Amino acid sequence: IMANPHYLDNGDGTITDTQTGLMWMKKDSYLQNGHWINWFETQDYIRKLNDQGYAQYNDWRLPTTKELKTLYDPNKVNSSQLGKEMKIHIDPIFEKNGSGSHWSSEENGRYNAFGMVFNTGTRFNGNKKSRSRKATRAVRNSN
């Protein structure tokens, strides 16, 4: 287990945020599955994680935008976004070269949903059917 005052690598593909008590997947859905997903597909992704009991847990869920925002740190660089000069500002303890845009659980009406952009720390509002460079990162309450 690597020492990091803020994040704890649990050695099982999960990272615990000691400040929020949230447990995150070390890999985002893009790194895990090798493809971008739309908002509807995030539901299947979470269901599969819970069905297989990823890291012995079956209470994984989609994060809120507020929870995603807690991962954004302008002073940290995880990696650059694929083929771009845009840096992904989350702790390097997370798996490298993932997606810079993560869907949240929050819908915005019938056709759109919110997410977070980790290049800029801003919230995005996207069509639920859009897969363009989008992924998600599953979370659970560790306490």
N, C-alpha and C. Protein backbone atom coordinates (compact mmCIF):
# COMPACT_ATOMS: atom_id res chain seq x y z
N ILE A 1 0.85 -1.20 0.00
CA ILE A 1 0.00 0.00 0.00
C ILE A 1 0.89 1.24 0.00
N MET A 2 0.64 2.09 -1.01
CA MET A 2 1.44 3.31 -1.13
C MET A 2 0.94 4.38 -0.16
N ALA A 3 1.88 5.10 0.43
CA ALA A 3 1.50 6.15 1.36
C ALA A 3 1.13 7.43 0.61
N ASN A 4 -0.07 7.86 0.81
CA ASN A 4 -0.56 9.10 0.22
C ASN A 4 -1.57 9.62 1.22
N PRO A 5 -1.32 10.82 1.80
CA PRO A 5 -2.21 11.28 2.87
C PRO A 5 -3.68 11.41 2.44
N HIS A 6 -3.90 11.64 1.16
CA HIS A 6 -5.26 11.89 0.67
C HIS A 6 -5.92 10.61 0.16
N TYR A 7 -5.14 9.84 -0.62
CA TYR A 7 -5.68 8.63 -1.24
C TYR A 7 -4.92 7.39 -0.79
N LEU A 8 -5.64 6.31 -0.67
CA LEU A 8 -5.07 5.03 -0.28
C LEU A 8 -5.31 4.04 -1.40
N ASP A 9 -4.23 3.46 -1.93
CA ASP A 9 -4.38 2.41 -2.94
C ASP A 9 -4.61 1.10 -2.20
N ASN A 10 -5.79 0.53 -2.36
CA ASN A 10 -6.17 -0.67 -1.60
C ASN A 10 -5.60 -1.96 -2.18
N GLY A 11 -4.92 -1.85 -3.34
CA GLY A 11 -4.28 -3.01 -3.92
C GLY A 11 -5.23 -4.00 -4.59
N ASP A 12 -6.50 -3.62 -4.72
CA ASP A 12 -7.48 -4.52 -5.34
C ASP A 12 -8.23 -3.83 -6.49
N GLY A 13 -7.58 -2.79 -7.05
CA GLY A 13 -8.23 -2.05 -8.13
C GLY A 13 -9.12 -0.93 -7.63
N THR A 14 -9.01 -0.64 -6.33
CA THR A 14 -9.80 0.45 -5.77
C THR A 14 -8.90 1.44 -5.03
N ILE A 15 -9.38 2.67 -4.93
CA ILE A 15 -8.67 3.76 -4.24
C ILE A 15 -9.65 4.36 -3.23
N THR A 16 -9.21 4.52 -1.98
CA THR A 16 -10.06 5.17 -0.99
C THR A 16 -9.60 6.61 -0.79
N ASP A 17 -10.56 7.52 -0.84
CA ASP A 17 -10.31 8.93 -0.55
C ASP A 17 -10.54 9.10 0.95
N THR A 18 -9.45 9.35 1.68
CA THR A 18 -9.54 9.44 3.13
C THR A 18 -10.29 10.69 3.60
N GLN A 19 -10.41 11.68 2.72
CA GLN A 19 -11.09 12.92 3.10
C GLN A 19 -12.60 12.85 2.94
N THR A 20 -13.05 12.12 1.91
CA THR A 20 -14.50 12.05 1.67
C THR A 20 -15.10 10.72 2.11
N GLY A 21 -14.24 9.71 2.34
CA GLY A 21 -14.74 8.38 2.70
C GLY A 21 -15.29 7.62 1.50
N LEU A 22 -15.03 8.13 0.30
CA LEU A 22 -15.51 7.44 -0.90
C LEU A 22 -14.45 6.47 -1.41
N MET A 23 -14.90 5.35 -1.94
CA MET A 23 -14.00 4.39 -2.58
C MET A 23 -14.27 4.44 -4.08
N TRP A 24 -13.20 4.67 -4.85
CA TRP A 24 -13.30 4.80 -6.31
C TRP A 24 -12.63 3.61 -6.99
N MET A 25 -13.06 3.34 -8.20
CA MET A 25 -12.35 2.38 -9.03
C MET A 25 -11.05 3.04 -9.46
N LYS A 26 -9.96 2.30 -9.45
CA LYS A 26 -8.67 2.84 -9.88
C LYS A 26 -8.69 3.13 -11.38
N LYS A 27 -9.36 2.27 -12.15
CA LYS A 27 -9.50 2.48 -13.60
C LYS A 27 -10.87 3.06 -13.89
N ASP A 28 -10.93 3.97 -14.86
CA ASP A 28 -12.25 4.41 -15.30
C ASP A 28 -12.80 3.37 -16.28
N SER A 29 -14.02 3.57 -16.72
CA SER A 29 -14.67 2.57 -17.58
C SER A 29 -13.95 2.42 -18.92
N TYR A 30 -13.33 3.51 -19.40
CA TYR A 30 -12.59 3.43 -20.66
C TYR A 30 -11.39 2.49 -20.53
N LEU A 31 -10.63 2.66 -19.44
CA LEU A 31 -9.45 1.81 -19.22
C LEU A 31 -9.86 0.36 -18.98
N GLN A 32 -11.02 0.18 -18.36
CA GLN A 32 -11.44 -1.18 -18.05
C GLN A 32 -11.98 -1.91 -19.28
N ASN A 33 -12.73 -1.19 -20.10
CA ASN A 33 -13.40 -1.83 -21.23
C ASN A 33 -12.82 -1.51 -22.61
N GLY A 34 -11.96 -0.49 -22.66
CA GLY A 34 -11.31 -0.15 -23.92
C GLY A 34 -12.17 0.60 -24.92
N HIS A 35 -13.29 1.16 -24.46
CA HIS A 35 -14.11 1.96 -25.38
C HIS A 35 -14.88 3.03 -24.60
N TRP A 36 -15.26 4.07 -25.31
CA TRP A 36 -16.05 5.17 -24.72
C TRP A 36 -17.48 4.69 -24.51
N ILE A 37 -18.18 5.28 -23.56
CA ILE A 37 -19.58 4.90 -23.34
C ILE A 37 -20.49 6.11 -23.22
N ASN A 38 -21.74 5.91 -23.61
CA ASN A 38 -22.74 6.97 -23.42
C ASN A 38 -23.38 6.80 -22.04
N TRP A 39 -24.28 7.73 -21.71
CA TRP A 39 -24.85 7.73 -20.35
C TRP A 39 -25.66 6.46 -20.08
N PHE A 40 -26.41 6.00 -21.08
CA PHE A 40 -27.23 4.79 -20.90
C PHE A 40 -26.34 3.58 -20.60
N GLU A 41 -25.20 3.53 -21.28
CA GLU A 41 -24.27 2.41 -21.11
C GLU A 41 -23.59 2.42 -19.74
N THR A 42 -23.56 3.59 -19.08
CA THR A 42 -22.96 3.63 -17.74
C THR A 42 -23.80 2.78 -16.78
N GLN A 43 -25.11 2.70 -17.02
CA GLN A 43 -25.99 1.90 -16.17
C GLN A 43 -25.61 0.42 -16.25
N ASP A 44 -25.38 -0.06 -17.49
CA ASP A 44 -24.98 -1.46 -17.70
C ASP A 44 -23.62 -1.72 -17.06
N TYR A 45 -22.73 -0.75 -17.23
CA TYR A 45 -21.38 -0.88 -16.70
C TYR A 45 -21.42 -1.10 -15.18
N ILE A 46 -22.19 -0.28 -14.48
CA ILE A 46 -22.31 -0.39 -13.02
C ILE A 46 -22.96 -1.72 -12.64
N ARG A 47 -23.99 -2.10 -13.38
CA ARG A 47 -24.68 -3.35 -13.08
C ARG A 47 -23.73 -4.55 -13.19
N LYS A 48 -22.89 -4.52 -14.23
CA LYS A 48 -21.93 -5.62 -14.41
C LYS A 48 -20.90 -5.67 -13.28
N LEU A 49 -20.43 -4.50 -12.85
CA LEU A 49 -19.47 -4.47 -11.73
C LEU A 49 -20.09 -5.10 -10.49
N ASN A 50 -21.36 -4.78 -10.24
CA ASN A 50 -22.04 -5.31 -9.06
C ASN A 50 -22.36 -6.79 -9.20
N ASP A 51 -22.70 -7.20 -10.41
CA ASP A 51 -22.97 -8.63 -10.66
C ASP A 51 -21.72 -9.47 -10.42
N GLN A 52 -20.56 -8.94 -10.83
CA GLN A 52 -19.33 -9.72 -10.64
C GLN A 52 -18.70 -9.45 -9.28
N GLY A 53 -19.31 -8.57 -8.49
CA GLY A 53 -18.79 -8.27 -7.16
C GLY A 53 -17.37 -7.74 -7.23
N TYR A 54 -17.16 -6.71 -8.05
CA TYR A 54 -15.81 -6.17 -8.25
C TYR A 54 -15.17 -5.80 -6.92
N ALA A 55 -13.95 -6.32 -6.68
CA ALA A 55 -13.19 -6.08 -5.44
C ALA A 55 -14.00 -6.50 -4.21
N GLN A 56 -14.84 -7.50 -4.39
CA GLN A 56 -15.68 -8.04 -3.29
C GLN A 56 -16.84 -7.14 -2.87
N TYR A 57 -17.18 -6.13 -3.67
CA TYR A 57 -18.29 -5.25 -3.31
C TYR A 57 -19.37 -5.33 -4.39
N ASN A 58 -20.61 -5.14 -3.97
CA ASN A 58 -21.68 -5.08 -4.97
C ASN A 58 -22.60 -3.89 -4.73
N ASP A 59 -22.00 -2.81 -4.23
CA ASP A 59 -22.77 -1.57 -4.06
C ASP A 59 -22.13 -0.40 -4.81
N TRP A 60 -21.51 -0.72 -5.96
CA TRP A 60 -20.95 0.34 -6.82
C TRP A 60 -22.09 1.15 -7.41
N ARG A 61 -21.83 2.42 -7.69
CA ARG A 61 -22.84 3.29 -8.28
C ARG A 61 -22.16 4.38 -9.10
N LEU A 62 -22.97 5.14 -9.81
CA LEU A 62 -22.45 6.30 -10.53
C LEU A 62 -22.26 7.43 -9.55
N PRO A 63 -21.19 8.20 -9.71
CA PRO A 63 -20.97 9.34 -8.81
C PRO A 63 -21.84 10.54 -9.19
N THR A 64 -22.06 11.43 -8.21
CA THR A 64 -22.71 12.71 -8.49
C THR A 64 -21.65 13.66 -9.06
N THR A 65 -22.05 14.78 -9.61
CA THR A 65 -21.06 15.75 -10.10
C THR A 65 -20.25 16.29 -8.93
N LYS A 66 -20.88 16.45 -7.79
CA LYS A 66 -20.19 16.95 -6.60
C LYS A 66 -19.08 15.97 -6.18
N GLU A 67 -19.39 14.68 -6.24
CA GLU A 67 -18.39 13.67 -5.88
C GLU A 67 -17.26 13.64 -6.90
N LEU A 68 -17.60 13.75 -8.17
CA LEU A 68 -16.56 13.79 -9.21
C LEU A 68 -15.65 14.99 -9.01
N LYS A 69 -16.25 16.11 -8.65
CA LYS A 69 -15.49 17.36 -8.45
C LYS A 69 -14.42 17.19 -7.37
N THR A 70 -14.66 16.32 -6.40
CA THR A 70 -13.68 16.12 -5.32
C THR A 70 -12.39 15.48 -5.86
N LEU A 71 -12.46 14.83 -7.03
CA LEU A 71 -11.26 14.21 -7.62
C LEU A 71 -10.41 15.23 -8.39
N TYR A 72 -11.05 16.33 -8.80
CA TYR A 72 -10.33 17.32 -9.61
C TYR A 72 -9.34 18.08 -8.75
N ASP A 73 -8.08 18.12 -9.21
CA ASP A 73 -7.05 18.88 -8.50
C ASP A 73 -6.15 19.54 -9.54
N PRO A 74 -6.29 20.86 -9.70
CA PRO A 74 -5.52 21.58 -10.74
C PRO A 74 -4.02 21.47 -10.56
N ASN A 75 -3.56 21.15 -9.34
CA ASN A 75 -2.12 21.03 -9.07
C ASN A 75 -1.55 19.65 -9.36
N LYS A 76 -2.43 18.70 -9.69
CA LYS A 76 -1.97 17.34 -9.97
C LYS A 76 -2.21 17.02 -11.44
N VAL A 77 -1.29 16.26 -12.02
CA VAL A 77 -1.48 15.80 -13.39
C VAL A 77 -1.38 14.29 -13.41
N ASN A 78 -2.45 13.66 -13.85
CA ASN A 78 -2.46 12.21 -13.96
C ASN A 78 -1.79 11.80 -15.26
N SER A 79 -2.21 12.42 -16.36
CA SER A 79 -1.69 12.10 -17.69
C SER A 79 -2.27 13.10 -18.67
N SER A 80 -1.88 12.96 -19.92
CA SER A 80 -2.46 13.79 -20.97
C SER A 80 -3.57 12.99 -21.62
N GLN A 81 -4.57 13.70 -22.12
CA GLN A 81 -5.63 13.02 -22.83
C GLN A 81 -5.09 12.49 -24.14
N LEU A 82 -5.59 11.36 -24.56
CA LEU A 82 -5.12 10.68 -25.76
C LEU A 82 -4.86 11.63 -26.93
N GLY A 83 -3.61 11.67 -27.36
CA GLY A 83 -3.25 12.46 -28.53
C GLY A 83 -3.45 13.95 -28.41
N LYS A 84 -3.73 14.42 -27.21
CA LYS A 84 -3.97 15.86 -27.03
C LYS A 84 -3.02 16.40 -25.98
N GLU A 85 -2.88 17.70 -25.99
CA GLU A 85 -2.02 18.34 -24.98
C GLU A 85 -2.81 18.65 -23.72
N MET A 86 -4.05 18.21 -23.67
CA MET A 86 -4.88 18.52 -22.51
C MET A 86 -4.54 17.58 -21.36
N LYS A 87 -4.21 18.16 -20.22
CA LYS A 87 -3.85 17.37 -19.07
C LYS A 87 -5.10 16.96 -18.28
N ILE A 88 -5.04 15.76 -17.72
CA ILE A 88 -6.12 15.28 -16.87
C ILE A 88 -5.69 15.52 -15.42
N HIS A 89 -6.43 16.41 -14.75
CA HIS A 89 -6.04 16.84 -13.41
C HIS A 89 -6.71 16.03 -12.30
N ILE A 90 -6.26 14.79 -12.17
CA ILE A 90 -6.63 13.99 -11.00
C ILE A 90 -5.35 13.35 -10.48
N ASP A 91 -5.38 12.87 -9.26
CA ASP A 91 -4.18 12.33 -8.64
C ASP A 91 -3.59 11.18 -9.48
N PRO A 92 -2.24 11.18 -9.63
CA PRO A 92 -1.59 10.12 -10.41
C PRO A 92 -1.70 8.73 -9.77
N ILE A 93 -2.28 8.63 -8.58
CA ILE A 93 -2.50 7.32 -7.97
C ILE A 93 -3.54 6.53 -8.78
N PHE A 94 -4.39 7.26 -9.51
CA PHE A 94 -5.37 6.60 -10.38
C PHE A 94 -4.68 6.14 -11.66
N GLU A 95 -5.23 5.10 -12.27
CA GLU A 95 -4.67 4.56 -13.51
C GLU A 95 -4.53 5.65 -14.58
N LYS A 96 -3.40 5.63 -15.30
CA LYS A 96 -3.10 6.67 -16.29
C LYS A 96 -3.84 6.49 -17.62
N ASN A 97 -3.91 7.60 -18.34
CA ASN A 97 -4.43 7.62 -19.72
C ASN A 97 -5.89 7.22 -19.88
N GLY A 98 -6.67 7.58 -18.89
CA GLY A 98 -8.11 7.35 -18.99
C GLY A 98 -8.80 8.50 -19.69
N SER A 99 -10.08 8.62 -19.45
CA SER A 99 -10.88 9.67 -20.08
C SER A 99 -10.82 10.95 -19.27
N GLY A 100 -10.89 12.08 -19.96
CA GLY A 100 -10.95 13.38 -19.28
C GLY A 100 -12.37 13.79 -18.93
N SER A 101 -13.36 13.06 -19.47
CA SER A 101 -14.77 13.41 -19.22
C SER A 101 -15.52 12.22 -18.65
N HIS A 102 -16.08 12.42 -17.46
CA HIS A 102 -16.79 11.34 -16.76
C HIS A 102 -18.25 11.67 -16.54
N TRP A 103 -19.10 10.76 -16.94
CA TRP A 103 -20.54 10.91 -16.68
C TRP A 103 -20.83 10.82 -15.19
N SER A 104 -21.82 11.59 -14.74
CA SER A 104 -22.32 11.46 -13.37
C SER A 104 -23.68 10.75 -13.42
N SER A 105 -24.26 10.56 -12.26
CA SER A 105 -25.58 9.93 -12.15
C SER A 105 -26.69 10.92 -12.48
N GLU A 106 -26.34 12.21 -12.61
CA GLU A 106 -27.36 13.25 -12.70
C GLU A 106 -27.87 13.52 -14.10
N GLU A 107 -29.17 13.32 -14.24
CA GLU A 107 -29.82 13.59 -15.52
C GLU A 107 -30.20 15.06 -15.60
N ASN A 108 -30.26 15.58 -16.81
CA ASN A 108 -30.70 16.95 -17.03
C ASN A 108 -31.83 16.87 -18.05
N GLY A 109 -33.01 16.57 -17.53
CA GLY A 109 -34.14 16.38 -18.43
C GLY A 109 -34.07 15.02 -19.09
N ARG A 110 -34.83 14.87 -20.16
CA ARG A 110 -34.99 13.56 -20.78
C ARG A 110 -33.80 13.14 -21.63
N TYR A 111 -33.14 14.09 -22.27
CA TYR A 111 -32.13 13.75 -23.27
C TYR A 111 -30.69 13.97 -22.84
N ASN A 112 -30.48 14.74 -21.78
CA ASN A 112 -29.13 15.09 -21.37
C ASN A 112 -28.79 14.62 -19.97
N ALA A 113 -27.49 14.56 -19.70
CA ALA A 113 -27.00 14.24 -18.35
C ALA A 113 -25.73 15.05 -18.11
N PHE A 114 -25.41 15.21 -16.84
CA PHE A 114 -24.23 15.99 -16.45
C PHE A 114 -23.02 15.09 -16.21
N GLY A 115 -21.86 15.71 -16.31
CA GLY A 115 -20.62 15.02 -15.98
C GLY A 115 -19.55 16.04 -15.68
N MET A 116 -18.32 15.55 -15.46
CA MET A 116 -17.21 16.43 -15.14
C MET A 116 -16.09 16.29 -16.16
N VAL A 117 -15.47 17.43 -16.46
CA VAL A 117 -14.31 17.46 -17.37
C VAL A 117 -13.07 17.66 -16.50
N PHE A 118 -12.18 16.67 -16.49
CA PHE A 118 -11.01 16.74 -15.61
C PHE A 118 -9.83 17.48 -16.21
N ASN A 119 -10.01 18.05 -17.41
CA ASN A 119 -8.99 18.93 -17.96
C ASN A 119 -9.16 20.33 -17.36
N THR A 120 -10.42 20.70 -17.13
CA THR A 120 -10.74 22.07 -16.73
C THR A 120 -11.42 22.17 -15.38
N GLY A 121 -11.95 21.07 -14.87
CA GLY A 121 -12.67 21.10 -13.60
C GLY A 121 -14.08 21.62 -13.72
N THR A 122 -14.59 21.67 -14.95
CA THR A 122 -15.94 22.18 -15.16
C THR A 122 -16.94 21.06 -15.39
N ARG A 123 -18.20 21.37 -15.16
CA ARG A 123 -19.27 20.42 -15.38
C ARG A 123 -19.67 20.46 -16.85
N PHE A 124 -19.97 19.31 -17.43
CA PHE A 124 -20.51 19.33 -18.79
C PHE A 124 -21.94 18.84 -18.79
N ASN A 125 -22.67 19.23 -19.83
CA ASN A 125 -24.04 18.83 -20.03
C ASN A 125 -24.06 18.18 -21.40
N GLY A 126 -24.24 16.85 -21.45
CA GLY A 126 -24.12 16.15 -22.72
C GLY A 126 -25.36 15.35 -23.07
N ASN A 127 -25.54 15.12 -24.37
CA ASN A 127 -26.61 14.24 -24.82
C ASN A 127 -26.32 12.85 -24.28
N LYS A 128 -27.34 12.20 -23.70
CA LYS A 128 -27.17 10.89 -23.09
C LYS A 128 -26.67 9.83 -24.09
N LYS A 129 -26.90 10.08 -25.38
CA LYS A 129 -26.48 9.11 -26.39
C LYS A 129 -25.05 9.34 -26.88
N SER A 130 -24.44 10.44 -26.44
CA SER A 130 -23.09 10.77 -26.91
C SER A 130 -22.03 9.90 -26.25
N ARG A 131 -21.14 9.33 -27.08
CA ARG A 131 -20.03 8.54 -26.53
C ARG A 131 -18.71 9.29 -26.66
N SER A 132 -18.74 10.45 -27.27
CA SER A 132 -17.52 11.17 -27.62
C SER A 132 -16.54 11.36 -26.45
N ARG A 133 -15.49 10.52 -26.42
CA ARG A 133 -14.45 10.60 -25.40
C ARG A 133 -14.98 10.58 -23.98
N LYS A 134 -16.09 9.90 -23.76
CA LYS A 134 -16.67 9.89 -22.43
C LYS A 134 -16.58 8.52 -21.76
N ALA A 135 -16.44 8.57 -20.44
CA ALA A 135 -16.35 7.36 -19.63
C ALA A 135 -17.03 7.67 -18.30
N THR A 136 -16.88 6.78 -17.34
CA THR A 136 -17.31 7.09 -15.98
C THR A 136 -16.36 6.39 -15.03
N ARG A 137 -16.46 6.73 -13.76
CA ARG A 137 -15.64 6.06 -12.74
C ARG A 137 -16.58 5.67 -11.61
N ALA A 138 -16.69 4.38 -11.37
CA ALA A 138 -17.61 3.89 -10.34
C ALA A 138 -17.11 4.27 -8.95
N VAL A 139 -18.07 4.46 -8.05
CA VAL A 139 -17.77 4.86 -6.68
C VAL A 139 -18.67 4.10 -5.72
N ARG A 140 -18.23 4.02 -4.47
CA ARG A 140 -19.08 3.46 -3.41
C ARG A 140 -18.71 4.15 -2.11
N ASN A 141 -19.61 4.10 -1.14
CA ASN A 141 -19.32 4.67 0.16
C ASN A 141 -18.57 3.62 0.97
N SER A 142 -17.35 3.99 1.41
CA SER A 142 -16.50 2.98 2.06
C SER A 142 -16.81 2.83 3.54
N ASN A 143 -17.58 3.77 4.09
CA ASN A 143 -17.83 3.65 5.53
C ASN A 143 -19.30 3.41 5.83
